[in-house]
PDB file of N, CA and C in Angstrom:
ATOM      1  N   MET A   1      28.364 121.350-253.809  1.00  0.00           N
ATOM      2  CA  MET A   1      28.862 120.827-252.589  1.00  0.00           C
ATOM      3  C   MET A   1      30.604 119.904-253.369  1.00  0.00           C
ATOM      4  N   THR A   2      31.547 121.261-252.563  1.00  0.00           N
ATOM      5  CA  THR A   2      32.884 120.736-253.043  1.00  0.00           C
ATOM      6  C   THR A   2      33.267 119.488-252.127  1.00  0.00           C
ATOM      7  N   ILE A   3      33.474 117.783-252.396  1.00  0.00           N
ATOM      8  CA  ILE A   3      34.403 116.949-251.312  1.00  0.00           C
ATOM      9  C   ILE A   3      35.632 117.325-251.464  1.00  0.00           C
ATOM     10  N   PHE A   4      35.966 117.172-250.327  1.00  0.00           N
ATOM     11  CA  PHE A   4      37.854 117.075-250.372  1.00  0.00           C
ATOM     12  C   PHE A   4      38.599 116.749-249.690  1.00  0.00           C
ATOM     13  N   ILE A   5      37.781 115.361-249.103  1.00  0.00           N
ATOM     14  CA  ILE A   5      37.914 114.607-248.976  1.00  0.00           C
ATOM     15  C   ILE A   5      37.332 112.916-248.605  1.00  0.00           C
ATOM     16  N   LYS A   6      37.339 111.726-249.034  1.00  0.00           N
ATOM     17  CA  LYS A   6      36.069 110.785-249.332  1.00  0.00           C
ATOM     18  C   LYS A   6      36.775 109.838-249.402  1.00  0.00           C
ATOM     19  N   LYS A   7      36.485 108.444-248.431  1.00  0.00           N
ATOM     20  CA  LYS A   7      37.720 107.674-247.435  1.00  0.00           C
ATOM     21  C   LYS A   7      35.956 106.605-247.978  1.00  0.00           C
ATOM     22  N   LEU A   8      37.047 105.589-247.740  1.00  0.00           N
ATOM     23  CA  LEU A   8      36.120 103.902-247.458  1.00  0.00           C
ATOM     24  C   LEU A   8      36.956 103.742-245.968  1.00  0.00           C
ATOM     25  N   CYS A   9      35.617 103.668-244.665  1.00  0.00           N
ATOM     26  CA  CYS A   9      36.188 103.753-243.075  1.00  0.00           C
ATOM     27  C   CYS A   9      35.245 102.580-242.452  1.00  0.00           C
ATOM     28  N   ASN A  10      35.356 102.270-241.283  1.00  0.00           N
ATOM     29  CA  ASN A  10      34.314 102.139-240.663  1.00  0.00           C
ATOM     30  C   ASN A  10      34.366 103.075-239.386  1.00  0.00           C
ATOM     31  N   ALA A  11      33.271 103.570-239.122  1.00  0.00           N
ATOM     32  CA  ALA A  11      33.332 104.608-238.394  1.00  0.00           C
ATOM     33  C   ALA A  11      32.556 103.346-236.809  1.00  0.00           C
ATOM     34  N   PHE A  12      33.415 103.896-235.600  1.00  0.00           N
ATOM     35  CA  PHE A  12      32.491 103.821-234.480  1.00  0.00           C
ATOM     36  C   PHE A  12      30.956 104.084-234.213  1.00  0.00           C
ATOM     37  N   ILE A  13      30.720 103.332-233.597  1.00  0.00           N
ATOM     38  CA  ILE A  13      28.833 103.645-233.792  1.00  0.00           C
ATOM     39  C   ILE A  13      28.507 103.612-232.149  1.00  0.00           C
ATOM     40  N   THR A  14      28.271 104.805-231.044  1.00  0.00           N
ATOM     41  CA  THR A  14      27.592 103.783-229.912  1.00  0.00           C
ATOM     42  C   THR A  14      26.536 103.064-230.355  1.00  0.00           C
ATOM     43  N   ASP A  15      25.961 103.735-230.799  1.00  0.00           N
ATOM     44  CA  ASP A  15      24.241 102.662-230.589  1.00  0.00           C
ATOM     45  C   ASP A  15      24.080 102.224-231.613  1.00  0.00           C
ATOM     46  N   ALA A  16      24.777 101.219-232.130  1.00  0.00           N
ATOM     47  CA  ALA A  16      24.420 100.201-233.339  1.00  0.00           C
ATOM     48  C   ALA A  16      23.783  98.581-233.027  1.00  0.00           C
ATOM     49  N   VAL A  17      23.299  98.174-233.589  1.00  0.00           N
ATOM     50  CA  VAL A  17      22.370  97.278-233.322  1.00  0.00           C
ATOM     51  C   VAL A  17      21.860  96.531-233.730  1.00  0.00           C
ATOM     52  N   VAL A  18      22.716  95.332-233.952  1.00  0.00           N
ATOM     53  CA  VAL A  18      22.970  93.924-235.123  1.00  0.00           C
ATOM     54  C   VAL A  18      21.085  93.863-235.295  1.00  0.00           C
ATOM     55  N   LYS A  19      20.314  93.181-236.424  1.00  0.00           N
ATOM     56  CA  LYS A  19      19.467  92.955-236.281  1.00  0.00           C
ATOM     57  C   LYS A  19      19.251  91.363-235.627  1.00  0.00           C
ATOM     58  N   ARG A  20      17.849  91.442-234.690  1.00  0.00           N
ATOM     59  CA  ARG A  20      17.963  90.412-234.456  1.00  0.00           C
ATOM     60  C   ARG A  20      17.505  88.773-234.980  1.00  0.00           C
ATOM     61  N   GLY A  21      17.748  87.596-235.360  1.00  0.00           N
ATOM     62  CA  GLY A  21      17.872  86.454-235.843  1.00  0.00           C
ATOM     63  C   GLY A  21      18.392  86.753-237.232  1.00  0.00           C
ATOM     64  N   ILE A  22      19.676  87.900-237.031  1.00  0.00           N
ATOM     65  CA  ILE A  22      20.701  87.645-238.110  1.00  0.00           C
ATOM     66  C   ILE A  22      21.780  87.079-237.803  1.00  0.00           C
ATOM     67  N   GLY A  23      22.275  86.058-238.718  1.00  0.00           N
ATOM     68  CA  GLY A  23      23.635  85.753-237.953  1.00  0.00           C
ATOM     69  C   GLY A  23      24.066  84.712-237.033  1.00  0.00           C
ATOM     70  N   GLY A  24      22.625  84.449-235.813  1.00  0.00           N
ATOM     71  CA  GLY A  24      22.305  83.212-234.984  1.00  0.00           C
ATOM     72  C   GLY A  24      23.279  83.759-234.324  1.00  0.00           C
ATOM     73  N   VAL A  25      24.358  82.495-233.860  1.00  0.00           N
ATOM     74  CA  VAL A  25      25.761  82.429-232.818  1.00  0.00           C
ATOM     75  C   VAL A  25      26.686  83.852-233.052  1.00  0.00           C
ATOM     76  N   ALA A  26      27.081  83.787-234.249  1.00  0.00           N
ATOM     77  CA  ALA A  26      27.783  85.137-234.582  1.00  0.00           C
ATOM     78  C   ALA A  26      27.296  86.159-233.797  1.00  0.00           C
ATOM     79  N   GLY A  27      25.587  86.287-234.741  1.00  0.00           N
ATOM     80  CA  GLY A  27      24.698  87.494-234.326  1.00  0.00           C
ATOM     81  C   GLY A  27      25.122  88.181-232.921  1.00  0.00           C
ATOM     82  N   ARG A  28      24.728  87.043-232.079  1.00  0.00           N
ATOM     83  CA  ARG A  28      24.694  87.209-230.839  1.00  0.00           C
ATOM     84  C   ARG A  28      26.490  87.300-230.229  1.00  0.00           C
ATOM     85  N   GLN A  29      27.256  87.204-230.327  1.00  0.00           N
ATOM     86  CA  GLN A  29      28.517  87.176-230.008  1.00  0.00           C
ATOM     87  C   GLN A  29      29.186  88.824-230.666  1.00  0.00           C
ATOM     88  N   VAL A  30      28.763  89.089-231.953  1.00  0.00           N
ATOM     89  CA  VAL A  30      28.409  90.637-232.387  1.00  0.00           C
ATOM     90  C   VAL A  30      28.334  91.712-231.127  1.00  0.00           C
ATOM     91  N   GLU A  31      26.974  91.657-230.593  1.00  0.00           N
ATOM     92  CA  GLU A  31      25.829  92.394-229.813  1.00  0.00           C
ATOM     93  C   GLU A  31      27.376  92.470-228.838  1.00  0.00           C
ATOM     94  N   ALA A  32      27.316  91.140-227.600  1.00  0.00           N
ATOM     95  CA  ALA A  32      28.173  90.893-227.243  1.00  0.00           C
ATOM     96  C   ALA A  32      29.682  91.741-226.899  1.00  0.00           C
ATOM     97  N   ILE A  33      30.126  91.580-227.982  1.00  0.00           N
ATOM     98  CA  ILE A  33      31.039  92.888-228.183  1.00  0.00           C
ATOM     99  C   ILE A  33      31.076  93.534-228.431  1.00  0.00           C
ATOM    100  N   GLY A  34      29.569  94.401-228.811  1.00  0.00           N
ATOM    101  CA  GLY A  34      29.866  95.863-228.938  1.00  0.00           C
ATOM    102  C   GLY A  34      28.971  96.572-227.489  1.00  0.00           C
ATOM    103  N   THR A  35      28.564  95.519-226.870  1.00  0.00           N
ATOM    104  CA  THR A  35      28.031  96.026-224.963  1.00  0.00           C
ATOM    105  C   THR A  35      29.471  96.491-224.549  1.00  0.00           C
ATOM    106  N   MET A  36      30.381  94.762-224.431  1.00  0.00           N
ATOM    107  CA  MET A  36      31.674  95.168-224.170  1.00  0.00           C
ATOM    108  C   MET A  36      32.599  96.333-224.786  1.00  0.00           C
ATOM    109  N   MET A  37      32.408  96.711-225.624  1.00  0.00           N
ATOM    110  CA  MET A  37      33.528  97.683-226.388  1.00  0.00           C
ATOM    111  C   MET A  37      32.604  98.952-226.568  1.00  0.00           C
ATOM    112  N   GLY A  38      31.621  99.228-226.292  1.00  0.00           N
ATOM    113  CA  GLY A  38      30.378 100.518-225.717  1.00  0.00           C
ATOM    114  C   GLY A  38      30.014 101.332-227.167  1.00  0.00           C
ATOM    115  N   GLY A  39      30.745  99.916-228.279  1.00  0.00           N
ATOM    116  CA  GLY A  39      29.718 100.709-229.519  1.00  0.00           C
ATOM    117  C   GLY A  39      30.410  99.561-231.031  1.00  0.00           C
ATOM    118  N   LEU A  40      30.290  99.695-231.773  1.00  0.00           N
ATOM    119  CA  LEU A  40      30.511  98.964-232.931  1.00  0.00           C
ATOM    120  C   LEU A  40      30.879  99.853-234.398  1.00  0.00           C
ATOM    121  N   TRP A  41      32.353  98.776-234.431  1.00  0.00           N
ATOM    122  CA  TRP A  41      33.238  98.985-235.999  1.00  0.00           C
ATOM    123  C   TRP A  41      31.873  99.184-237.486  1.00  0.00           C
ATOM    124  N   VAL A  42      31.519  99.926-238.017  1.00  0.00           N
ATOM    125  CA  VAL A  42      30.065  99.723-239.015  1.00  0.00           C
ATOM    126  C   VAL A  42      30.935 100.427-240.577  1.00  0.00           C
ATOM    127  N   GLY A  43      30.820  99.564-241.241  1.00  0.00           N
ATOM    128  CA  GLY A  43      31.643  99.944-242.611  1.00  0.00           C
ATOM    129  C   GLY A  43      30.892 100.706-243.349  1.00  0.00           C
ATOM    130  N   GLY A  44      31.261 102.031-243.557  1.00  0.00           N
ATOM    131  CA  GLY A  44      31.256 102.639-244.468  1.00  0.00           C
ATOM    132  C   GLY A  44      31.318 104.185-245.584  1.00  0.00           C
ATOM    133  N   THR A  45      31.143 105.009-245.649  1.00  0.00           N
ATOM    134  CA  THR A  45      32.240 106.449-246.352  1.00  0.00           C
ATOM    135  C   THR A  45      32.184 107.474-245.910  1.00  0.00           C
ATOM    136  N   VAL A  46      33.407 108.131-245.751  1.00  0.00           N
ATOM    137  CA  VAL A  46      33.077 109.332-244.584  1.00  0.00           C
ATOM    138  C   VAL A  46      33.482 110.049-246.022  1.00  0.00           C
ATOM    139  N   THR A  47      32.763 111.509-245.709  1.00  0.00           N
ATOM    140  CA  THR A  47      33.108 112.897-246.848  1.00  0.00           C
ATOM    141  C   THR A  47      33.212 114.221-245.943  1.00  0.00           C
ATOM    142  N   VAL A  48      34.316 114.563-246.116  1.00  0.00           N
ATOM    143  CA  VAL A  48      34.484 116.153-245.375  1.00  0.00           C
ATOM    144  C   VAL A  48      34.956 117.026-246.318  1.00  0.00           C
ATOM    145  N   SER A  49      33.354 118.090-246.572  1.00  0.00           N
ATOM    146  CA  SER A  49      33.188 119.626-247.460  1.00  0.00           C
ATOM    147  C   SER A  49      33.748 120.669-246.715  1.00  0.00           C
ATOM    148  N   ALA A  50      33.813 122.015-247.097  1.00  0.00           N
ATOM    149  CA  ALA A  50      34.081 122.613-246.647  1.00  0.00           C
ATOM    150  C   ALA A  50      33.704 123.048-245.172  1.00  0.00           C
ATOM    151  N   ASP A  51      32.420 122.607-245.001  1.00  0.00           N
ATOM    152  CA  ASP A  51      31.381 122.921-243.612  1.00  0.00           C
ATOM    153  C   ASP A  51      30.931 121.597-243.030  1.00  0.00           C
ATOM    154  N   ALA A  52      31.080 120.424-243.088  1.00  0.00           N
ATOM    155  CA  ALA A  52      31.056 119.398-242.749  1.00  0.00           C
ATOM    156  C   ALA A  52      31.625 118.494-243.110  1.00  0.00           C
ATOM    157  N   ILE A  53      31.351 117.167-242.198  1.00  0.00           N
ATOM    158  CA  ILE A  53      31.860 115.607-241.921  1.00  0.00           C
ATOM    159  C   ILE A  53      30.268 114.727-241.896  1.00  0.00           C
ATOM    160  N   ASP A  54      30.310 113.594-243.394  1.00  0.00           N
ATOM    161  CA  ASP A  54      28.951 113.207-242.925  1.00  0.00           C
ATOM    162  C   ASP A  54      29.924 111.820-243.309  1.00  0.00           C
ATOM    163  N   TRP A  55      29.102 110.779-242.149  1.00  0.00           N
ATOM    164  CA  TRP A  55      29.768 109.439-242.802  1.00  0.00           C
ATOM    165  C   TRP A  55      28.023 108.757-242.778  1.00  0.00           C
ATOM    166  N   ILE A  56      28.266 107.658-243.751  1.00  0.00           N
ATOM    167  CA  ILE A  56      27.159 107.560-244.882  1.00  0.00           C
ATOM    168  C   ILE A  56      27.244 105.727-244.629  1.00  0.00           C
ATOM    169  N   PRO A  57      26.620 104.519-243.970  1.00  0.00           N
ATOM    170  CA  PRO A  57      26.428 103.455-244.025  1.00  0.00           C
ATOM    171  C   PRO A  57      26.490 102.822-245.142  1.00  0.00           C
ATOM    172  N   ASN A  58      27.457 101.663-245.494  1.00  0.00           N
ATOM    173  CA  ASN A  58      27.301 100.992-247.141  1.00  0.00           C
ATOM    174  C   ASN A  58      25.739  99.665-246.666  1.00  0.00           C
ATOM    175  N   ILE A  59      25.583  99.746-247.398  1.00  0.00           N
ATOM    176  CA  ILE A  59      24.116  99.295-247.685  1.00  0.00           C
ATOM    177  C   ILE A  59      24.323  98.037-246.610  1.00  0.00           C
ATOM    178  N   MET A  60      24.958  96.690-247.021  1.00  0.00           N
ATOM    179  CA  MET A  60      25.656  95.504-246.136  1.00  0.00           C
ATOM    180  C   MET A  60      24.898  95.982-244.337  1.00  0.00           C
ATOM    181  N   ASN A  61      25.528  97.367-243.902  1.00  0.00           N
ATOM    182  CA  ASN A  61      25.152  97.320-242.791  1.00  0.00           C
ATOM    183  C   ASN A  61      24.227  97.697-242.006  1.00  0.00           C
ATOM    184  N   LYS A  62      23.265  98.891-243.482  1.00  0.00           N
ATOM    185  CA  LYS A  62      22.349  99.405-243.184  1.00  0.00           C
ATOM    186  C   LYS A  62      20.893  98.056-243.439  1.00  0.00           C
ATOM    187  N   ALA A  63      21.621  96.625-243.955  1.00  0.00           N
ATOM    188  CA  ALA A  63      20.778  95.686-243.644  1.00  0.00           C
ATOM    189  C   ALA A  63      21.201  94.796-242.720  1.00  0.00           C
ATOM    190  N   VAL A  64      21.941  94.566-241.766  1.00  0.00           N
ATOM    191  CA  VAL A  64      22.065  93.718-240.479  1.00  0.00           C
ATOM    192  C   VAL A  64      21.661  94.495-239.464  1.00  0.00           C
ATOM    193  N   HIS A  65      21.384  95.830-239.324  1.00  0.00           N
ATOM    194  CA  HIS A  65      21.575  96.755-238.319  1.00  0.00           C
ATOM    195  C   HIS A  65      20.333  97.320-237.797  1.00  0.00           C
ATOM    196  N   ASP A  66      19.850  97.604-236.318  1.00  0.00           N
ATOM    197  CA  ASP A  66      18.574  98.271-237.055  1.00  0.00           C
ATOM    198  C   ASP A  66      18.199  99.648-236.480  1.00  0.00           C
ATOM    199  N   ASN A  67      17.834 100.190-237.248  1.00  0.00           N
ATOM    200  CA  ASN A  67      18.117 101.869-237.204  1.00  0.00           C
ATOM    201  C   ASN A  67      18.988 102.477-237.394  1.00  0.00           C
ATOM    202  N   LEU A  68      19.913 101.881-238.012  1.00  0.00           N
ATOM    203  CA  LEU A  68      21.406 102.556-238.457  1.00  0.00           C
ATOM    204  C   LEU A  68      21.466 104.381-239.202  1.00  0.00           C
ATOM    205  N   GLN A  69      22.025 104.941-238.642  1.00  0.00           N
ATOM    206  CA  GLN A  69      21.790 106.513-239.036  1.00  0.00           C
ATOM    207  C   GLN A  69      22.922 106.879-239.325  1.00  0.00           C
ATOM    208  N   SER A  70      22.595 108.086-240.417  1.00  0.00           N
ATOM    209  CA  SER A  70      24.485 108.249-241.077  1.00  0.00           C
ATOM    210  C   SER A  70      24.845 109.427-239.794  1.00  0.00           C
ATOM    211  N   VAL A  71      25.915 110.031-239.701  1.00  0.00           N
ATOM    212  CA  VAL A  71      26.312 111.102-238.937  1.00  0.00           C
ATOM    213  C   VAL A  71      26.854 112.497-240.014  1.00  0.00           C
ATOM    214  N   HIS A  72      26.289 113.405-239.312  1.00  0.00           N
ATOM    215  CA  HIS A  72      26.474 115.015-240.184  1.00  0.00           C
ATOM    216  C   HIS A  72      27.484 115.890-238.890  1.00  0.00           C
ATOM    217  N   ILE A  73      28.299 116.004-239.013  1.00  0.00           N
ATOM    218  CA  ILE A  73      28.769 117.085-237.535  1.00  0.00           C
ATOM    219  C   ILE A  73      29.481 118.185-239.002  1.00  0.00           C
ATOM    220  N   SER A  74      28.804 119.089-238.490  1.00  0.00           N
ATOM    221  CA  SER A  74      29.117 120.752-239.250  1.00  0.00           C
ATOM    222  C   SER A  74      30.700 120.920-238.465  1.00  0.00           C
ATOM    223  N   LEU A  75      31.009 121.488-239.589  1.00  0.00           N
ATOM    224  CA  LEU A  75      33.018 121.886-239.284  1.00  0.00           C
ATOM    225  C   LEU A  75      33.079 122.654-237.872  1.00  0.00           C
ATOM    226  N   ARG A  76      31.870 123.708-238.029  1.00  0.00           N
ATOM    227  CA  ARG A  76      31.916 124.346-236.978  1.00  0.00           C
ATOM    228  C   ARG A  76      31.925 123.939-235.394  1.00  0.00           C
ATOM    229  N   GLU A  77      31.647 122.854-235.476  1.00  0.00           N
ATOM    230  CA  GLU A  77      31.546 121.708-233.966  1.00  0.00           C
ATOM    231  C   GLU A  77      32.747 120.778-234.466  1.00  0.00           C
ATOM    232  N   VAL A  78      33.310 121.201-234.284  1.00  0.00           N
ATOM    233  CA  VAL A  78      34.747 120.450-234.270  1.00  0.00           C
ATOM    234  C   VAL A  78      36.468 120.993-233.671  1.00  0.00           C
ATOM    235  N   ARG A  79      36.484 120.781-232.716  1.00  0.00           N
ATOM    236  CA  ARG A  79      37.286 121.531-231.926  1.00  0.00           C
ATOM    237  C   ARG A  79      38.386 121.108-232.412  1.00  0.00           C
ATOM    238  N   ALA A  80      39.237 119.490-232.692  1.00  0.00           N
ATOM    239  CA  ALA A  80      40.393 119.390-233.181  1.00  0.00           C
ATOM    240  C   ALA A  80      40.099 117.891-233.569  1.00  0.00           C
ATOM    241  N   VAL A  81      41.342 116.900-234.518  1.00  0.00           N
ATOM    242  CA  VAL A  81      41.230 116.245-235.119  1.00  0.00           C
ATOM    243  C   VAL A  81      42.578 115.116-235.143  1.00  0.00           C
ATOM    244  N   ARG A  82      42.511 114.151-234.809  1.00  0.00           N
ATOM    245  CA  ARG A  82      44.287 113.869-234.556  1.00  0.00           C
ATOM    246  C   ARG A  82      43.831 112.142-235.042  1.00  0.00           C
ATOM    247  N   ARG A  83      45.136 111.476-235.170  1.00  0.00           N
ATOM    248  CA  ARG A  83      45.245 110.415-235.142  1.00  0.00           C
ATOM    249  C   ARG A  83      45.763 109.547-234.405  1.00  0.00           C
ATOM    250  N   GLU A  84      45.182 108.196-233.935  1.00  0.00           N
ATOM    251  CA  GLU A  84      45.334 107.606-233.525  1.00  0.00           C
ATOM    252  C   GLU A  84      45.826 105.865-233.736  1.00  0.00           C
ATOM    253  N   PHE A  85      46.704 105.215-232.915  1.00  0.00           N
ATOM    254  CA  PHE A  85      46.859 104.094-234.071  1.00  0.00           C
ATOM    255  C   PHE A  85      45.898 103.630-233.588  1.00  0.00           C
ATOM    256  N   GLY A  86      46.216 102.133-234.392  1.00  0.00           N
ATOM    257  CA  GLY A  86      45.566 101.533-234.705  1.00  0.00           C
ATOM    258  C   GLY A  86      45.664  99.936-235.739  1.00  0.00           C
ATOM    259  N   ILE A  87      45.841  99.022-235.012  1.00  0.00           N
ATOM    260  CA  ILE A  87      45.989  97.882-236.229  1.00  0.00           C
ATOM    261  C   ILE A  87      45.506  97.631-237.606  1.00  0.00           C
ATOM    262  N   LEU A  88      46.320  97.891-238.312  1.00  0.00           N
ATOM    263  CA  LEU A  88      45.743  97.938-239.552  1.00  0.00           C
ATOM    264  C   LEU A  88      45.858  98.902-240.217  1.00  0.00           C
ATOM    265  N   THR A  89      44.994  99.560-239.208  1.00  0.00           N
ATOM    266  CA  THR A  89      44.452 100.661-240.875  1.00  0.00           C
ATOM    267  C   THR A  89      44.364 101.666-239.271  1.00  0.00           C
ATOM    268  N   GLY A  90      44.883 102.890-239.364  1.00  0.00           N
ATOM    269  CA  GLY A  90      44.542 103.851-238.045  1.00  0.00           C
ATOM    270  C   GLY A  90      43.340 104.578-237.340  1.00  0.00           C
ATOM    271  N   ILE A  91      42.679 105.590-236.673  1.00  0.00           N
ATOM    272  CA  ILE A  91      41.828 105.613-236.161  1.00  0.00           C
ATOM    273  C   ILE A  91      42.146 107.309-235.844  1.00  0.00           C
ATOM    274  N   VAL A  92      41.274 107.370-236.890  1.00  0.00           N
ATOM    275  CA  VAL A  92      40.612 109.151-237.281  1.00  0.00           C
ATOM    276  C   VAL A  92      39.713 109.670-236.170  1.00  0.00           C
ATOM    277  N   VAL A  93      40.143 110.409-234.969  1.00  0.00           N
ATOM    278  CA  VAL A  93      38.860 111.248-233.907  1.00  0.00           C
ATOM    279  C   VAL A  93      39.138 112.285-234.886  1.00  0.00           C
ATOM    280  N   VAL A  94      37.703 112.487-234.124  1.00  0.00           N
ATOM    281  CA  VAL A  94      37.924 114.384-234.320  1.00  0.00           C
ATOM    282  C   VAL A  94      36.892 114.691-233.245  1.00  0.00           C
ATOM    283  N   GLU A  95      37.959 115.256-232.442  1.00  0.00           N
ATOM    284  CA  GLU A  95      36.736 116.418-230.859  1.00  0.00           C
ATOM    285  C   GLU A  95      36.406 117.391-231.053  1.00  0.00           C
ATOM    286  N   LEU A  96      34.672 117.046-230.854  1.00  0.00           N
ATOM    287  CA  LEU A  96      34.186 117.757-230.841  1.00  0.00           C
ATOM    288  C   LEU A  96      33.970 118.907-229.229  1.00  0.00           C
ATOM    289  N   GLU A  97      33.366 120.087-229.978  1.00  0.00           N
ATOM    290  CA  GLU A  97      33.379 121.454-229.116  1.00  0.00           C
ATOM    291  C   GLU A  97      32.818 120.300-227.592  1.00  0.00           C
ATOM    292  N   ASP A  98      31.341 119.795-227.779  1.00  0.00           N
ATOM    293  CA  ASP A  98      30.725 119.521-226.583  1.00  0.00           C
ATOM    294  C   ASP A  98      30.908 118.643-226.094  1.00  0.00           C
ATOM    295  N   GLY A  99      32.418 118.406-226.373  1.00  0.00           N
ATOM    296  CA  GLY A  99      33.303 117.311-225.318  1.00  0.00           C
ATOM    297  C   GLY A  99      33.289 115.146-226.250  1.00  0.00           C
ATOM    298  N   GLY A 100      32.253 115.559-226.785  1.00  0.00           N
ATOM    299  CA  GLY A 100      31.771 114.125-227.745  1.00  0.00           C
ATOM    300  C   GLY A 100      33.386 113.797-228.993  1.00  0.00           C
ATOM    301  N   GLU A 101      32.935 112.684-228.904  1.00  0.00           N
ATOM    302  CA  GLU A 101      34.091 112.245-230.438  1.00  0.00           C
ATOM    303  C   GLU A 101      33.134 111.669-231.725  1.00  0.00           C
ATOM    304  N   PHE A 102      33.766 111.952-232.548  1.00  0.00           N
ATOM    305  CA  PHE A 102      33.390 110.723-233.925  1.00  0.00           C
ATOM    306  C   PHE A 102      34.781 110.033-233.932  1.00  0.00           C
ATOM    307  N   ARG A 103      34.773 108.616-234.115  1.00  0.00           N
ATOM    308  CA  ARG A 103      35.527 107.717-234.781  1.00  0.00           C
ATOM    309  C   ARG A 103      35.268 107.545-236.261  1.00  0.00           C
ATOM    310  N   PHE A 104      36.904 107.229-236.724  1.00  0.00           N
ATOM    311  CA  PHE A 104      36.692 106.237-237.579  1.00  0.00           C
ATOM    312  C   PHE A 104      37.684 105.673-238.226  1.00  0.00           C
ATOM    313  N   ARG A 105      38.084 104.641-238.517  1.00  0.00           N
ATOM    314  CA  ARG A 105      39.290 103.794-239.330  1.00  0.00           C
ATOM    315  C   ARG A 105      39.382 104.055-240.724  1.00  0.00           C
ATOM    316  N   CYS A 106      40.626 104.313-241.519  1.00  0.00           N
ATOM    317  CA  CYS A 106      40.720 103.965-242.540  1.00  0.00           C
ATOM    318  C   CYS A 106      42.566 104.156-242.445  1.00  0.00           C
ATOM    319  N   PHE A 107      42.898 103.812-244.144  1.00  0.00           N
ATOM    320  CA  PHE A 107      44.315 103.178-244.531  1.00  0.00           C
ATOM    321  C   PHE A 107      44.760 104.848-244.827  1.00  0.00           C
ATOM    322  N   ASN A 108      45.512 104.858-244.656  1.00  0.00           N
ATOM    323  CA  ASN A 108      46.397 105.997-244.218  1.00  0.00           C
ATOM    324  C   ASN A 108      45.828 107.542-243.800  1.00  0.00           C
ATOM    325  N   ALA A 109      45.727 106.879-242.323  1.00  0.00           N
ATOM    326  CA  ALA A 109      44.122 108.127-241.307  1.00  0.00           C
ATOM    327  C   ALA A 109      45.186 109.142-241.615  1.00  0.00           C
ATOM    328  N   ARG A 110      46.316 109.026-241.323  1.00  0.00           N
ATOM    329  CA  ARG A 110      47.651 109.993-240.109  1.00  0.00           C
ATOM    330  C   ARG A 110      47.269 111.240-241.781  1.00  0.00           C
ATOM    331  N   SER A 111      47.672 111.092-243.135  1.00  0.00           N
ATOM    332  CA  SER A 111      46.499 112.609-243.720  1.00  0.00           C
ATOM    333  C   SER A 111      45.895 112.824-243.661  1.00  0.00           C
ATOM    334  N   VAL A 112      44.843 112.309-243.571  1.00  0.00           N
ATOM    335  CA  VAL A 112      43.266 112.319-243.639  1.00  0.00           C
ATOM    336  C   VAL A 112      43.312 113.657-242.803  1.00  0.00           C
ATOM    337  N   ALA A 113      43.736 112.756-241.172  1.00  0.00           N
ATOM    338  CA  ALA A 113      43.758 113.772-240.232  1.00  0.00           C
ATOM    339  C   ALA A 113      44.206 114.861-240.176  1.00  0.00           C
ATOM    340  N   GLU A 114      45.539 115.155-241.178  1.00  0.00           N
ATOM    341  CA  GLU A 114      46.011 116.011-240.990  1.00  0.00           C
ATOM    342  C   GLU A 114      45.129 117.422-242.689  1.00  0.00           C
ATOM    343  N   ASN A 115      44.887 116.411-243.199  1.00  0.00           N
ATOM    344  CA  ASN A 115      44.157 117.517-244.455  1.00  0.00           C
ATOM    345  C   ASN A 115      42.939 117.982-243.901  1.00  0.00           C
ATOM    346  N   MET A 116      42.584 116.615-242.997  1.00  0.00           N
ATOM    347  CA  MET A 116      40.831 117.564-242.252  1.00  0.00           C
ATOM    348  C   MET A 116      40.736 118.419-240.782  1.00  0.00           C
ATOM    349  N   SER A 117      42.431 118.640-240.488  1.00  0.00           N
ATOM    350  CA  SER A 117      42.735 119.890-239.365  1.00  0.00           C
ATOM    351  C   SER A 117      42.902 120.679-240.602  1.00  0.00           C
ATOM    352  N   ASP A 118      43.205 120.687-240.961  1.00  0.00           N
ATOM    353  CA  ASP A 118      43.819 122.359-242.636  1.00  0.00           C
ATOM    354  C   ASP A 118      42.237 122.587-242.883  1.00  0.00           C
ATOM    355  N   LEU A 119      41.027 121.775-242.991  1.00  0.00           N
ATOM    356  CA  LEU A 119      40.123 122.467-243.112  1.00  0.00           C
ATOM    357  C   LEU A 119      38.984 123.151-241.969  1.00  0.00           C
ATOM    358  N   LEU A 120      40.075 122.921-240.903  1.00  0.00           N
ATOM    359  CA  LEU A 120      38.782 123.013-239.707  1.00  0.00           C
ATOM    360  C   LEU A 120      38.664 125.001-239.792  1.00  0.00           C
ATOM    361  N   PRO A 121      37.897 125.212-239.451  1.00  0.00           N
ATOM    362  CA  PRO A 121      37.537 127.047-239.640  1.00  0.00           C
ATOM    363  C   PRO A 121      38.484 127.660-238.878  1.00  0.00           C
ATOM    364  N   SER A 122      38.924 126.772-237.843  1.00  0.00           N
ATOM    365  CA  SER A 122      39.685 127.947-236.808  1.00  0.00           C
ATOM    366  C   SER A 122      41.178 127.643-237.615  1.00  0.00           C
ATOM    367  N   GLN A 123      41.524 127.110-238.379  1.00  0.00           N
ATOM    368  CA  GLN A 123      42.760 127.088-239.071  1.00  0.00           C
ATOM    369  C   GLN A 123      42.703 128.316-240.327  1.00  0.00           C
ATOM    370  N   MET A 124      41.187 128.003-240.880  1.00  0.00           N
ATOM    371  CA  MET A 124      41.582 128.953-242.071  1.00  0.00           C
ATOM    372  C   MET A 124      41.799 130.409-241.063  1.00  0.00           C
ATOM    373  N   LEU A 125      41.273 130.601-240.201  1.00  0.00           N
ATOM    374  CA  LEU A 125      41.139 132.351-239.190  1.00  0.00           C
ATOM    375  C   LEU A 125      42.883 132.522-238.908  1.00  0.00           C
ATOM    376  N   SER A 126      43.779 131.303-238.602  1.00  0.00           N
ATOM    377  CA  SER A 126      44.347 131.510-238.703  1.00  0.00           C
ATOM    378  C   SER A 126      45.776 131.359-239.605  1.00  0.00           C
ATOM    379  N   ALA A 127      45.346 131.624-240.565  1.00  0.00           N
ATOM    380  CA  ALA A 127      46.016 131.261-241.624  1.00  0.00           C
ATOM    381  C   ALA A 127      46.348 132.360-242.709  1.00  0.00           C
TER     382      ALA A 127
END
């Protein structure tokens, strides 16, 4: 499998839960923020191949979150990719055919979103 894009990033994970007993007051504050925002930004690595988008959490986040799962999205499930403004790092929004989204923040988000769009099967058919 050829990897076309590989970036350190923070992905927005809606079901991320900090393990009980980790961080004391700080852990409870993170939990409250996650509840308010509808999820947490979790560090890891996103890779994009000709077939899929994969996000794997980093070791630290695996250790502090309960049952944190990797994300795998077939490119056939992707309707569009766009960039949104974010402070310090931009946000790449992957729109899915079922109406859902996968979001991640990284440096150079504009070029990452453009390059990802070029890899979508719909783009390859029209090229």
